[in-house]
Amino acid sequence: MTVRELSSVLYDECGKCLDRFYDMRERDAVPDFYDDVKPYADYWHEKINEWQQESLSYIQKERPKYVHKPQIDTAAEGMAQFFVQSFYKETSKKRFIQSIQSAQYTLQTFINAIDERAGSHD
């Protein structure tokens, strides 16, 4: 999977986290940590780490104008947290939503930078 594809997959998963958060609240559900949360978190944390490494190496090589290492690190850290928090109705709604918006903004900015760079190579 390219860093572009991975960015897009993570962007979509951020939206699913928001949906899950609302669903868990609405149903007043309590997830099973070992059956629901842990397998999901393990899978996505691996993807987030892969994205972070690939993104940092892309940035080093291509030097996009509007995306820098601190943004990638912050987005990865945020996703690692809210991907898990999305299972818990006790999560602070405002902060949770802001974290998702922030990560999606970084992902979209990065995707745009990759697409712009790809377009300029034609």
PDB file of N, CA and C in Angstrom:
ATOM      1  N   MET A   1       0.846  -1.186   0.000  1.00  0.00           N
ATOM      2  CA  MET A   1       0.000   0.000   0.000  1.00  0.00           C
ATOM      3  C   MET A   1       0.891   1.250   0.000  1.00  0.00           C
ATOM      4  N   THR A   2       0.597   2.178  -0.906  1.00  0.00           N
ATOM      5  CA  THR A   2       1.392   3.403  -0.956  1.00  0.00           C
ATOM      6  C   THR A   2       1.027   4.311   0.225  1.00  0.00           C
ATOM      7  N   VAL A   3       1.869   5.289   0.481  1.00  0.00           N
ATOM      8  CA  VAL A   3       1.595   6.232   1.571  1.00  0.00           C
ATOM      9  C   VAL A   3       0.315   7.020   1.265  1.00  0.00           C
ATOM     10  N   ARG A   4       0.033   7.239   0.005  1.00  0.00           N
ATOM     11  CA  ARG A   4      -1.196   7.929  -0.420  1.00  0.00           C
ATOM     12  C   ARG A   4      -2.419   7.085  -0.075  1.00  0.00           C
ATOM     13  N   GLU A   5      -2.350   5.794  -0.420  1.00  0.00           N
ATOM     14  CA  GLU A   5      -3.464   4.880  -0.129  1.00  0.00           C
ATOM     15  C   GLU A   5      -3.673   4.723   1.375  1.00  0.00           C
ATOM     16  N   LEU A   6      -2.583   4.596   2.087  1.00  0.00           N
ATOM     17  CA  LEU A   6      -2.638   4.443   3.542  1.00  0.00           C
ATOM     18  C   LEU A   6      -3.251   5.688   4.189  1.00  0.00           C
ATOM     19  N   SER A   7      -2.879   6.854   3.698  1.00  0.00           N
ATOM     20  CA  SER A   7      -3.445   8.112   4.203  1.00  0.00           C
ATOM     21  C   SER A   7      -4.952   8.137   3.995  1.00  0.00           C
ATOM     22  N   SER A   8      -5.379   7.691   2.832  1.00  0.00           N
ATOM     23  CA  SER A   8      -6.795   7.673   2.497  1.00  0.00           C
ATOM     24  C   SER A   8      -7.567   6.677   3.370  1.00  0.00           C
ATOM     25  N   VAL A   9      -6.986   5.515   3.591  1.00  0.00           N
ATOM     26  CA  VAL A   9      -7.615   4.492   4.439  1.00  0.00           C
ATOM     27  C   VAL A   9      -7.752   5.010   5.878  1.00  0.00           C
ATOM     28  N   LEU A  10      -6.713   5.661   6.372  1.00  0.00           N
ATOM     29  CA  LEU A  10      -6.759   6.210   7.735  1.00  0.00           C
ATOM     30  C   LEU A  10      -7.788   7.339   7.824  1.00  0.00           C
ATOM     31  N   TYR A  11      -7.860   8.154   6.800  1.00  0.00           N
ATOM     32  CA  TYR A  11      -8.855   9.238   6.769  1.00  0.00           C
ATOM     33  C   TYR A  11     -10.262   8.649   6.913  1.00  0.00           C
ATOM     34  N   ASP A  12     -10.538   7.618   6.127  1.00  0.00           N
ATOM     35  CA  ASP A  12     -11.852   6.966   6.190  1.00  0.00           C
ATOM     36  C   ASP A  12     -12.109   6.348   7.559  1.00  0.00           C
ATOM     37  N   GLU A  13     -11.079   5.748   8.139  1.00  0.00           N
ATOM     38  CA  GLU A  13     -11.238   5.098   9.440  1.00  0.00           C
ATOM     39  C   GLU A  13     -11.516   6.125  10.535  1.00  0.00           C
ATOM     40  N   CYS A  14     -10.976   7.329  10.387  1.00  0.00           N
ATOM     41  CA  CYS A  14     -11.278   8.406  11.340  1.00  0.00           C
ATOM     42  C   CYS A  14     -12.785   8.664  11.375  1.00  0.00           C
ATOM     43  N   GLY A  15     -13.400   8.692  10.196  1.00  0.00           N
ATOM     44  CA  GLY A  15     -14.849   8.884  10.102  1.00  0.00           C
ATOM     45  C   GLY A  15     -15.606   7.739  10.757  1.00  0.00           C
ATOM     46  N   LYS A  16     -15.098   6.524  10.590  1.00  0.00           N
ATOM     47  CA  LYS A  16     -15.734   5.356  11.207  1.00  0.00           C
ATOM     48  C   LYS A  16     -15.622   5.410  12.732  1.00  0.00           C
ATOM     49  N   CYS A  17     -14.529   5.979  13.229  1.00  0.00           N
ATOM     50  CA  CYS A  17     -14.359   6.139  14.676  1.00  0.00           C
ATOM     51  C   CYS A  17     -15.457   7.048  15.228  1.00  0.00           C
ATOM     52  N   LEU A  18     -15.743   8.107  14.493  1.00  0.00           N
ATOM     53  CA  LEU A  18     -16.790   9.035  14.911  1.00  0.00           C
ATOM     54  C   LEU A  18     -18.153   8.328  14.931  1.00  0.00           C
ATOM     55  N   ASP A  19     -18.424   7.563  13.873  1.00  0.00           N
ATOM     56  CA  ASP A  19     -19.680   6.802  13.814  1.00  0.00           C
ATOM     57  C   ASP A  19     -19.774   5.822  14.984  1.00  0.00           C
ATOM     58  N   ARG A  20     -18.682   5.119  15.262  1.00  0.00           N
ATOM     59  CA  ARG A  20     -18.673   4.145  16.360  1.00  0.00           C
ATOM     60  C   ARG A  20     -18.924   4.839  17.693  1.00  0.00           C
ATOM     61  N   PHE A  21     -18.280   5.984  17.884  1.00  0.00           N
ATOM     62  CA  PHE A  21     -18.430   6.744  19.121  1.00  0.00           C
ATOM     63  C   PHE A  21     -19.908   7.070  19.377  1.00  0.00           C
ATOM     64  N   TYR A  22     -20.584   7.589  18.340  1.00  0.00           N
ATOM     65  CA  TYR A  22     -22.004   7.933  18.481  1.00  0.00           C
ATOM     66  C   TYR A  22     -22.858   6.676  18.695  1.00  0.00           C
ATOM     67  N   ASP A  23     -22.518   5.625  17.993  1.00  0.00           N
ATOM     68  CA  ASP A  23     -23.258   4.369  18.129  1.00  0.00           C
ATOM     69  C   ASP A  23     -23.131   3.805  19.551  1.00  0.00           C
ATOM     70  N   MET A  24     -21.921   3.807  20.083  1.00  0.00           N
ATOM     71  CA  MET A  24     -21.694   3.276  21.436  1.00  0.00           C
ATOM     72  C   MET A  24     -22.462   4.106  22.470  1.00  0.00           C
ATOM     73  N   ARG A  25     -22.481   5.412  22.269  1.00  0.00           N
ATOM     74  CA  ARG A  25     -23.217   6.297  23.190  1.00  0.00           C
ATOM     75  C   ARG A  25     -24.715   6.041  23.101  1.00  0.00           C
ATOM     76  N   GLU A  26     -25.187   5.956  21.871  1.00  0.00           N
ATOM     77  CA  GLU A  26     -26.620   5.769  21.642  1.00  0.00           C
ATOM     78  C   GLU A  26     -27.115   4.453  22.255  1.00  0.00           C
ATOM     79  N   ARG A  27     -26.331   3.401  22.079  1.00  0.00           N
ATOM     80  CA  ARG A  27     -26.722   2.085  22.595  1.00  0.00           C
ATOM     81  C   ARG A  27     -26.327   1.898  24.060  1.00  0.00           C
ATOM     82  N   ASP A  28     -25.587   2.873  24.607  1.00  0.00           N
ATOM     83  CA  ASP A  28     -25.075   2.778  25.970  1.00  0.00           C
ATOM     84  C   ASP A  28     -24.269   1.478  26.124  1.00  0.00           C
ATOM     85  N   ALA A  29     -23.492   1.191  25.079  1.00  0.00           N
ATOM     86  CA  ALA A  29     -22.767  -0.077  25.000  1.00  0.00           C
ATOM     87  C   ALA A  29     -21.429  -0.035  25.734  1.00  0.00           C
ATOM     88  N   VAL A  30     -21.040  -1.200  26.230  1.00  0.00           N
ATOM     89  CA  VAL A  30     -19.733  -1.362  26.855  1.00  0.00           C
ATOM     90  C   VAL A  30     -18.996  -2.427  26.043  1.00  0.00           C
ATOM     91  N   PRO A  31     -17.869  -2.040  25.428  1.00  0.00           N
ATOM     92  CA  PRO A  31     -17.168  -3.000  24.574  1.00  0.00           C
ATOM     93  C   PRO A  31     -16.418  -4.044  25.399  1.00  0.00           C
ATOM     94  N   ASP A  32     -16.218  -5.195  24.818  1.00  0.00           N
ATOM     95  CA  ASP A  32     -15.355  -6.198  25.434  1.00  0.00           C
ATOM     96  C   ASP A  32     -13.932  -5.884  24.995  1.00  0.00           C
ATOM     97  N   PHE A  33     -13.073  -5.611  25.961  1.00  0.00           N
ATOM     98  CA  PHE A  33     -11.724  -5.160  25.635  1.00  0.00           C
ATOM     99  C   PHE A  33     -10.980  -6.177  24.769  1.00  0.00           C
ATOM    100  N   TYR A  34     -10.982  -7.440  25.175  1.00  0.00           N
ATOM    101  CA  TYR A  34     -10.184  -8.447  24.467  1.00  0.00           C
ATOM    102  C   TYR A  34     -10.805  -8.916  23.153  1.00  0.00           C
ATOM    103  N   ASP A  35     -12.130  -8.857  23.042  1.00  0.00           N
ATOM    104  CA  ASP A  35     -12.781  -9.291  21.804  1.00  0.00           C
ATOM    105  C   ASP A  35     -12.941  -8.155  20.800  1.00  0.00           C
ATOM    106  N   ASP A  36     -13.198  -6.943  21.297  1.00  0.00           N
ATOM    107  CA  ASP A  36     -13.502  -5.823  20.403  1.00  0.00           C
ATOM    108  C   ASP A  36     -12.359  -4.812  20.281  1.00  0.00           C
ATOM    109  N   VAL A  37     -11.958  -4.261  21.406  1.00  0.00           N
ATOM    110  CA  VAL A  37     -11.026  -3.133  21.395  1.00  0.00           C
ATOM    111  C   VAL A  37      -9.603  -3.538  21.020  1.00  0.00           C
ATOM    112  N   LYS A  38      -9.060  -4.532  21.701  1.00  0.00           N
ATOM    113  CA  LYS A  38      -7.651  -4.892  21.503  1.00  0.00           C
ATOM    114  C   LYS A  38      -7.323  -5.335  20.068  1.00  0.00           C
ATOM    115  N   PRO A  39      -8.091  -6.266  19.490  1.00  0.00           N
ATOM    116  CA  PRO A  39      -7.752  -6.664  18.105  1.00  0.00           C
ATOM    117  C   PRO A  39      -7.815  -5.483  17.125  1.00  0.00           C
ATOM    118  N   TYR A  40      -8.822  -4.644  17.311  1.00  0.00           N
ATOM    119  CA  TYR A  40      -8.978  -3.459  16.460  1.00  0.00           C
ATOM    120  C   TYR A  40      -7.786  -2.518  16.653  1.00  0.00           C
ATOM    121  N   ALA A  41      -7.473  -2.240  17.903  1.00  0.00           N
ATOM    122  CA  ALA A  41      -6.380  -1.317  18.208  1.00  0.00           C
ATOM    123  C   ALA A  41      -5.041  -1.854  17.707  1.00  0.00           C
ATOM    124  N   ASP A  42      -4.799  -3.128  17.901  1.00  0.00           N
ATOM    125  CA  ASP A  42      -3.537  -3.727  17.442  1.00  0.00           C
ATOM    126  C   ASP A  42      -3.392  -3.579  15.925  1.00  0.00           C
ATOM    127  N   TYR A  43      -4.462  -3.884  15.215  1.00  0.00           N
ATOM    128  CA  TYR A  43      -4.439  -3.790  13.759  1.00  0.00           C
ATOM    129  C   TYR A  43      -4.160  -2.348  13.308  1.00  0.00           C
ATOM    130  N   TRP A  44      -4.933  -1.400  13.853  1.00  0.00           N
ATOM    131  CA  TRP A  44      -4.811  -0.017  13.402  1.00  0.00           C
ATOM    132  C   TRP A  44      -3.555   0.668  13.902  1.00  0.00           C
ATOM    133  N   HIS A  45      -3.083   0.305  15.078  1.00  0.00           N
ATOM    134  CA  HIS A  45      -1.837   0.912  15.558  1.00  0.00           C
ATOM    135  C   HIS A  45      -0.676   0.530  14.638  1.00  0.00           C
ATOM    136  N   GLU A  46      -0.714  -0.677  14.118  1.00  0.00           N
ATOM    137  CA  GLU A  46       0.304  -1.098  13.160  1.00  0.00           C
ATOM    138  C   GLU A  46       0.224  -0.247  11.892  1.00  0.00           C
ATOM    139  N   LYS A  47      -1.001  -0.018  11.408  1.00  0.00           N
ATOM    140  CA  LYS A  47      -1.202   0.812  10.215  1.00  0.00           C
ATOM    141  C   LYS A  47      -0.766   2.262  10.465  1.00  0.00           C
ATOM    142  N   ILE A  48      -1.094   2.777  11.638  1.00  0.00           N
ATOM    143  CA  ILE A  48      -0.723   4.156  11.987  1.00  0.00           C
ATOM    144  C   ILE A  48       0.801   4.291  12.032  1.00  0.00           C
ATOM    145  N   ASN A  49       1.462   3.321  12.654  1.00  0.00           N
ATOM    146  CA  ASN A  49       2.934   3.354  12.717  1.00  0.00           C
ATOM    147  C   ASN A  49       3.546   3.276  11.325  1.00  0.00           C
ATOM    148  N   GLU A  50       2.993   2.413  10.494  1.00  0.00           N
ATOM    149  CA  GLU A  50       3.474   2.282   9.117  1.00  0.00           C
ATOM    150  C   GLU A  50       3.284   3.610   8.383  1.00  0.00           C
ATOM    151  N   TRP A  51       2.106   4.211   8.535  1.00  0.00           N
ATOM    152  CA  TRP A  51       1.826   5.496   7.891  1.00  0.00           C
ATOM    153  C   TRP A  51       2.804   6.568   8.368  1.00  0.00           C
ATOM    154  N   GLN A  52       3.040   6.596   9.680  1.00  0.00           N
ATOM    155  CA  GLN A  52       3.938   7.607  10.237  1.00  0.00           C
ATOM    156  C   GLN A  52       5.341   7.464   9.636  1.00  0.00           C
ATOM    157  N   GLN A  53       5.862   6.252   9.600  1.00  0.00           N
ATOM    158  CA  GLN A  53       7.206   6.026   9.048  1.00  0.00           C
ATOM    159  C   GLN A  53       7.260   6.386   7.558  1.00  0.00           C
ATOM    160  N   GLU A  54       6.277   5.896   6.803  1.00  0.00           N
ATOM    161  CA  GLU A  54       6.234   6.167   5.354  1.00  0.00           C
ATOM    162  C   GLU A  54       6.085   7.669   5.076  1.00  0.00           C
ATOM    163  N   SER A  55       5.264   8.324   5.874  1.00  0.00           N
ATOM    164  CA  SER A  55       5.021   9.756   5.686  1.00  0.00           C
ATOM    165  C   SER A  55       6.273  10.565   5.968  1.00  0.00           C
ATOM    166  N   LEU A  56       6.953  10.221   7.055  1.00  0.00           N
ATOM    167  CA  LEU A  56       8.171  10.956   7.408  1.00  0.00           C
ATOM    168  C   LEU A  56       9.239  10.761   6.339  1.00  0.00           C
ATOM    169  N   SER A  57       9.319   9.570   5.801  1.00  0.00           N
ATOM    170  CA  SER A  57      10.311   9.349   4.762  1.00  0.00           C
ATOM    171  C   SER A  57       9.917  10.085   3.480  1.00  0.00           C
ATOM    172  N   TYR A  58       8.624  10.149   3.172  1.00  0.00           N
ATOM    173  CA  TYR A  58       8.141  10.913   2.016  1.00  0.00           C
ATOM    174  C   TYR A  58       8.478  12.395   2.183  1.00  0.00           C
ATOM    175  N   ILE A  59       8.210  12.909   3.372  1.00  0.00           N
ATOM    176  CA  ILE A  59       8.463  14.330   3.649  1.00  0.00           C
ATOM    177  C   ILE A  59       9.950  14.661   3.506  1.00  0.00           C
ATOM    178  N   GLN A  60      10.782  13.774   4.016  1.00  0.00           N
ATOM    179  CA  GLN A  60      12.227  13.986   3.922  1.00  0.00           C
ATOM    180  C   GLN A  60      12.685  14.042   2.463  1.00  0.00           C
ATOM    181  N   LYS A  61      12.116  13.158   1.661  1.00  0.00           N
ATOM    182  CA  LYS A  61      12.509  13.052   0.268  1.00  0.00           C
ATOM    183  C   LYS A  61      11.894  14.147  -0.596  1.00  0.00           C
ATOM    184  N   GLU A  62      10.581  14.360  -0.440  1.00  0.00           N
ATOM    185  CA  GLU A  62       9.859  15.251  -1.347  1.00  0.00           C
ATOM    186  C   GLU A  62       9.700  16.688  -0.842  1.00  0.00           C
ATOM    187  N   ARG A  63       9.850  16.888   0.443  1.00  0.00           N
ATOM    188  CA  ARG A  63       9.719  18.211   1.061  1.00  0.00           C
ATOM    189  C   ARG A  63       8.451  18.967   0.650  1.00  0.00           C
ATOM    190  N   PRO A  64       7.271  18.413   0.936  1.00  0.00           N
ATOM    191  CA  PRO A  64       6.032  19.132   0.592  1.00  0.00           C
ATOM    192  C   PRO A  64       5.929  20.434   1.380  1.00  0.00           C
ATOM    193  N   LYS A  65       5.274  21.417   0.781  1.00  0.00           N
ATOM    194  CA  LYS A  65       5.215  22.758   1.356  1.00  0.00           C
ATOM    195  C   LYS A  65       4.470  22.837   2.687  1.00  0.00           C
ATOM    196  N   TYR A  66       3.325  22.166   2.786  1.00  0.00           N
ATOM    197  CA  TYR A  66       2.451  22.400   3.931  1.00  0.00           C
ATOM    198  C   TYR A  66       2.359  21.247   4.932  1.00  0.00           C
ATOM    199  N   VAL A  67       3.226  20.264   4.809  1.00  0.00           N
ATOM    200  CA  VAL A  67       3.191  19.135   5.743  1.00  0.00           C
ATOM    201  C   VAL A  67       4.592  18.911   6.294  1.00  0.00           C
ATOM    202  N   HIS A  68       4.676  18.858   7.624  1.00  0.00           N
ATOM    203  CA  HIS A  68       5.969  18.725   8.286  1.00  0.00           C
ATOM    204  C   HIS A  68       5.920  17.638   9.348  1.00  0.00           C
ATOM    205  N   LYS A  69       7.080  17.225   9.799  1.00  0.00           N
ATOM    206  CA  LYS A  69       7.203  16.128  10.769  1.00  0.00           C
ATOM    207  C   LYS A  69       6.315  16.297  12.007  1.00  0.00           C
ATOM    208  N   PRO A  70       6.294  17.467  12.663  1.00  0.00           N
ATOM    209  CA  PRO A  70       5.445  17.583  13.863  1.00  0.00           C
ATOM    210  C   PRO A  70       3.961  17.298  13.602  1.00  0.00           C
ATOM    211  N   GLN A  71       3.471  17.682  12.424  1.00  0.00           N
ATOM    212  CA  GLN A  71       2.065  17.419  12.091  1.00  0.00           C
ATOM    213  C   GLN A  71       1.804  15.929  11.949  1.00  0.00           C
ATOM    214  N   ILE A  72       2.730  15.236  11.310  1.00  0.00           N
ATOM    215  CA  ILE A  72       2.600  13.783  11.119  1.00  0.00           C
ATOM    216  C   ILE A  72       2.628  13.089  12.481  1.00  0.00           C
ATOM    217  N   ASP A  73       3.582  13.485  13.318  1.00  0.00           N
ATOM    218  CA  ASP A  73       3.702  12.881  14.653  1.00  0.00           C
ATOM    219  C   ASP A  73       2.449  13.130  15.491  1.00  0.00           C
ATOM    220  N   THR A  74       1.940  14.342  15.451  1.00  0.00           N
ATOM    221  CA  THR A  74       0.738  14.697  16.216  1.00  0.00           C
ATOM    222  C   THR A  74      -0.481  13.925  15.705  1.00  0.00           C
ATOM    223  N   ALA A  75      -0.619  13.825  14.395  1.00  0.00           N
ATOM    224  CA  ALA A  75      -1.754  13.091  13.815  1.00  0.00           C
ATOM    225  C   ALA A  75      -1.681  11.611  14.197  1.00  0.00           C
ATOM    226  N   ALA A  76      -0.489  11.034  14.120  1.00  0.00           N
ATOM    227  CA  ALA A  76      -0.324   9.612  14.460  1.00  0.00           C
ATOM    228  C   ALA A  76      -0.657   9.373  15.926  1.00  0.00           C
ATOM    229  N   GLU A  77      -0.179  10.248  16.774  1.00  0.00           N
ATOM    230  CA  GLU A  77      -0.444  10.136  18.211  1.00  0.00           C
ATOM    231  C   GLU A  77      -1.947  10.267  18.487  1.00  0.00           C
ATOM    232  N   GLY A  78      -2.574  11.241  17.848  1.00  0.00           N
ATOM    233  CA  GLY A  78      -4.008  11.452  18.020  1.00  0.00           C
ATOM    234  C   GLY A  78      -4.815  10.248  17.567  1.00  0.00           C
ATOM    235  N   MET A  79      -4.480   9.707  16.396  1.00  0.00           N
ATOM    236  CA  MET A  79      -5.210   8.545  15.885  1.00  0.00           C
ATOM    237  C   MET A  79      -5.037   7.342  16.808  1.00  0.00           C
ATOM    238  N   ALA A  80      -3.824   7.132  17.288  1.00  0.00           N
ATOM    239  CA  ALA A  80      -3.575   6.006  18.198  1.00  0.00           C
ATOM    240  C   ALA A  80      -4.483   6.106  19.422  1.00  0.00           C
ATOM    241  N   GLN A  81      -4.758   7.315  19.867  1.00  0.00           N
ATOM    242  CA  GLN A  81      -5.620   7.512  21.034  1.00  0.00           C
ATOM    243  C   GLN A  81      -7.099   7.403  20.679  1.00  0.00           C
ATOM    244  N   PHE A  82      -7.555   8.170  19.694  1.00  0.00           N
ATOM    245  CA  PHE A  82      -9.004   8.189  19.471  1.00  0.00           C
ATOM    246  C   PHE A  82      -9.534   6.945  18.771  1.00  0.00           C
ATOM    247  N   PHE A  83      -8.675   6.173  18.117  1.00  0.00           N
ATOM    248  CA  PHE A  83      -9.148   4.909  17.554  1.00  0.00           C
ATOM    249  C   PHE A  83      -9.624   4.005  18.689  1.00  0.00           C
ATOM    250  N   VAL A  84      -8.962   4.070  19.843  1.00  0.00           N
ATOM    251  CA  VAL A  84      -9.361   3.289  21.013  1.00  0.00           C
ATOM    252  C   VAL A  84     -10.498   3.982  21.759  1.00  0.00           C
ATOM    253  N   GLN A  85     -10.394   5.298  21.924  1.00  0.00           N
ATOM    254  CA  GLN A  85     -11.409   6.050  22.665  1.00  0.00           C
ATOM    255  C   GLN A  85     -12.789   5.946  22.020  1.00  0.00           C
ATOM    256  N   SER A  86     -12.823   5.696  20.719  1.00  0.00           N
ATOM    257  CA  SER A  86     -14.104   5.635  20.013  1.00  0.00           C
ATOM    258  C   SER A  86     -15.020   4.524  20.546  1.00  0.00           C
ATOM    259  N   PHE A  87     -14.458   3.574  21.262  1.00  0.00           N
ATOM    260  CA  PHE A  87     -15.247   2.471  21.821  1.00  0.00           C
ATOM    261  C   PHE A  87     -15.936   2.856  23.139  1.00  0.00           C
ATOM    262  N   TYR A  88     -15.495   3.954  23.737  1.00  0.00           N
ATOM    263  CA  TYR A  88     -15.942   4.263  25.100  1.00  0.00           C
ATOM    264  C   TYR A  88     -16.814   5.506  25.150  1.00  0.00           C
ATOM    265  N   LYS A  89     -18.030   5.322  25.628  1.00  0.00           N
ATOM    266  CA  LYS A  89     -18.992   6.424  25.681  1.00  0.00           C
ATOM    267  C   LYS A  89     -18.585   7.509  26.671  1.00  0.00           C
ATOM    268  N   GLU A  90     -17.670   7.181  27.594  1.00  0.00           N
ATOM    269  CA  GLU A  90     -17.229   8.158  28.599  1.00  0.00           C
ATOM    270  C   GLU A  90     -16.264   9.192  28.018  1.00  0.00           C
ATOM    271  N   THR A  91     -15.779   8.939  26.821  1.00  0.00           N
ATOM    272  CA  THR A  91     -14.822   9.829  26.171  1.00  0.00           C
ATOM    273  C   THR A  91     -15.409  11.237  26.052  1.00  0.00           C
ATOM    274  N   SER A  92     -14.586  12.241  26.322  1.00  0.00           N
ATOM    275  CA  SER A  92     -15.018  13.633  26.186  1.00  0.00           C
ATOM    276  C   SER A  92     -15.332  13.920  24.712  1.00  0.00           C
ATOM    277  N   LYS A  93     -16.580  14.234  24.445  1.00  0.00           N
ATOM    278  CA  LYS A  93     -17.057  14.415  23.078  1.00  0.00           C
ATOM    279  C   LYS A  93     -16.316  15.526  22.334  1.00  0.00           C
ATOM    280  N   LYS A  94     -16.184  16.680  22.966  1.00  0.00           N
ATOM    281  CA  LYS A  94     -15.573  17.839  22.302  1.00  0.00           C
ATOM    282  C   LYS A  94     -14.125  17.549  21.904  1.00  0.00           C
ATOM    283  N   ARG A  95     -13.355  17.044  22.845  1.00  0.00           N
ATOM    284  CA  ARG A  95     -11.945  16.769  22.568  1.00  0.00           C
ATOM    285  C   ARG A  95     -11.798  15.659  21.529  1.00  0.00           C
ATOM    286  N   PHE A  96     -12.639  14.655  21.636  1.00  0.00           N
ATOM    287  CA  PHE A  96     -12.629  13.525  20.709  1.00  0.00           C
ATOM    288  C   PHE A  96     -12.863  14.017  19.274  1.00  0.00           C
ATOM    289  N   ILE A  97     -13.894  14.822  19.100  1.00  0.00           N
ATOM    290  CA  ILE A  97     -14.236  15.343  17.772  1.00  0.00           C
ATOM    291  C   ILE A  97     -13.118  16.244  17.240  1.00  0.00           C
ATOM    292  N   GLN A  98     -12.569  17.084  18.093  1.00  0.00           N
ATOM    293  CA  GLN A  98     -11.468  17.958  17.669  1.00  0.00           C
ATOM    294  C   GLN A  98     -10.244  17.144  17.251  1.00  0.00           C
ATOM    295  N   SER A  99      -9.968  16.070  17.967  1.00  0.00           N
ATOM    296  CA  SER A  99      -8.825  15.205  17.621  1.00  0.00           C
ATOM    297  C   SER A  99      -9.014  14.582  16.247  1.00  0.00           C
ATOM    298  N   ILE A 100     -10.228  14.119  15.984  1.00  0.00           N
ATOM    299  CA  ILE A 100     -10.527  13.519  14.679  1.00  0.00           C
ATOM    300  C   ILE A 100     -10.398  14.563  13.575  1.00  0.00           C
ATOM    301  N   GLN A 101     -10.973  15.743  13.796  1.00  0.00           N
ATOM    302  CA  GLN A 101     -10.901  16.802  12.780  1.00  0.00           C
ATOM    303  C   GLN A 101      -9.451  17.197  12.501  1.00  0.00           C
ATOM    304  N   SER A 102      -8.661  17.265  13.541  1.00  0.00           N
ATOM    305  CA  SER A 102      -7.259  17.623  13.397  1.00  0.00           C
ATOM    306  C   SER A 102      -6.506  16.571  12.577  1.00  0.00           C
ATOM    307  N   ALA A 103      -6.708  15.303  12.901  1.00  0.00           N
ATOM    308  CA  ALA A 103      -6.040  14.222  12.168  1.00  0.00           C
ATOM    309  C   ALA A 103      -6.504  14.204  10.711  1.00  0.00           C
ATOM    310  N   GLN A 104      -7.808  14.375  10.499  1.00  0.00           N
ATOM    311  CA  GLN A 104      -8.320  14.369   9.126  1.00  0.00           C
ATOM    312  C   GLN A 104      -7.786  15.557   8.322  1.00  0.00           C
ATOM    313  N   TYR A 105      -7.651  16.678   8.982  1.00  0.00           N
ATOM    314  CA  TYR A 105      -7.097  17.856   8.300  1.00  0.00           C
ATOM    315  C   TYR A 105      -5.658  17.566   7.835  1.00  0.00           C
ATOM    316  N   THR A 106      -4.853  16.998   8.739  1.00  0.00           N
ATOM    317  CA  THR A 106      -3.468  16.666   8.387  1.00  0.00           C
ATOM    318  C   THR A 106      -3.430  15.624   7.271  1.00  0.00           C
ATOM    319  N   LEU A 107      -4.250  14.586   7.391  1.00  0.00           N
ATOM    320  CA  LEU A 107      -4.288  13.542   6.362  1.00  0.00           C
ATOM    321  C   LEU A 107      -4.692  14.131   5.007  1.00  0.00           C
ATOM    322  N   GLN A 108      -5.722  14.979   4.998  1.00  0.00           N
ATOM    323  CA  GLN A 108      -6.193  15.571   3.737  1.00  0.00           C
ATOM    324  C   GLN A 108      -5.134  16.498   3.140  1.00  0.00           C
ATOM    325  N   THR A 109      -4.478  17.282   3.986  1.00  0.00           N
ATOM    326  CA  THR A 109      -3.414  18.179   3.519  1.00  0.00           C
ATOM    327  C   THR A 109      -2.272  17.369   2.912  1.00  0.00           C
ATOM    328  N   PHE A 110      -1.953  16.255   3.563  1.00  0.00           N
ATOM    329  CA  PHE A 110      -0.885  15.377   3.079  1.00  0.00           C
ATOM    330  C   PHE A 110      -1.280  14.730   1.747  1.00  0.00           C
ATOM    331  N   ILE A 111      -2.503  14.230   1.668  1.00  0.00           N
ATOM    332  CA  ILE A 111      -3.008  13.626   0.424  1.00  0.00           C
ATOM    333  C   ILE A 111      -2.944  14.654  -0.707  1.00  0.00           C
ATOM    334  N   ASN A 112      -3.375  15.881  -0.423  1.00  0.00           N
ATOM    335  CA  ASN A 112      -3.325  16.952  -1.432  1.00  0.00           C
ATOM    336  C   ASN A 112      -1.892  17.213  -1.892  1.00  0.00           C
ATOM    337  N   ALA A 113      -0.956  17.216  -0.939  1.00  0.00           N
ATOM    338  CA  ALA A 113       0.455  17.460  -1.271  1.00  0.00           C
ATOM    339  C   ALA A 113       1.004  16.336  -2.154  1.00  0.00           C
ATOM    340  N   ILE A 114       0.634  15.100  -1.847  1.00  0.00           N
ATOM    341  CA  ILE A 114       1.080  13.958  -2.648  1.00  0.00           C
ATOM    342  C   ILE A 114       0.491  14.045  -4.056  1.00  0.00           C
ATOM    343  N   ASP A 115      -0.806  14.353  -4.125  1.00  0.00           N
ATOM    344  CA  ASP A 115      -1.470  14.459  -5.434  1.00  0.00           C
ATOM    345  C   ASP A 115      -0.883  15.599  -6.268  1.00  0.00           C
ATOM    346  N   GLU A 116      -0.579  16.701  -5.605  1.00  0.00           N
ATOM    347  CA  GLU A 116       0.004  17.849  -6.297  1.00  0.00           C
ATOM    348  C   GLU A 116       1.371  17.485  -6.864  1.00  0.00           C
ATOM    349  N   ARG A 117       2.166  16.800  -6.054  1.00  0.00           N
ATOM    350  CA  ARG A 117       3.509  16.368  -6.462  1.00  0.00           C
ATOM    351  C   ARG A 117       3.404  15.383  -7.613  1.00  0.00           C
ATOM    352  N   ALA A 118       2.459  14.455  -7.511  1.00  0.00           N
ATOM    353  CA  ALA A 118       2.273  13.447  -8.578  1.00  0.00           C
ATOM    354  C   ALA A 118       1.849  14.129  -9.877  1.00  0.00           C
ATOM    355  N   GLY A 119       1.003  15.130  -9.757  1.00  0.00           N
ATOM    356  CA  GLY A 119       0.551  15.877 -10.934  1.00  0.00           C
ATOM    357  C   GLY A 119       1.656  16.655 -11.599  1.00  0.00           C
ATOM    358  N   SER A 120       2.598  17.143 -10.805  1.00  0.00           N
ATOM    359  CA  SER A 120       3.687  17.957 -11.364  1.00  0.00           C
ATOM    360  C   SER A 120       4.759  17.105 -12.048  1.00  0.00           C
ATOM    361  N   HIS A 121       4.704  15.780 -11.850  1.00  0.00           N
ATOM    362  CA  HIS A 121       5.673  14.886 -12.503  1.00  0.00           C
ATOM    363  C   HIS A 121       5.220  14.453 -13.888  1.00  0.00           C
ATOM    364  N   ASP A 122       3.973  14.804 -14.245  1.00  0.00           N
ATOM    365  CA  ASP A 122       3.438  14.363 -15.549  1.00  0.00           C
ATOM    366  C   ASP A 122       4.075  15.102 -16.699  1.00  0.00           C
TER     367      ASP A 122
END
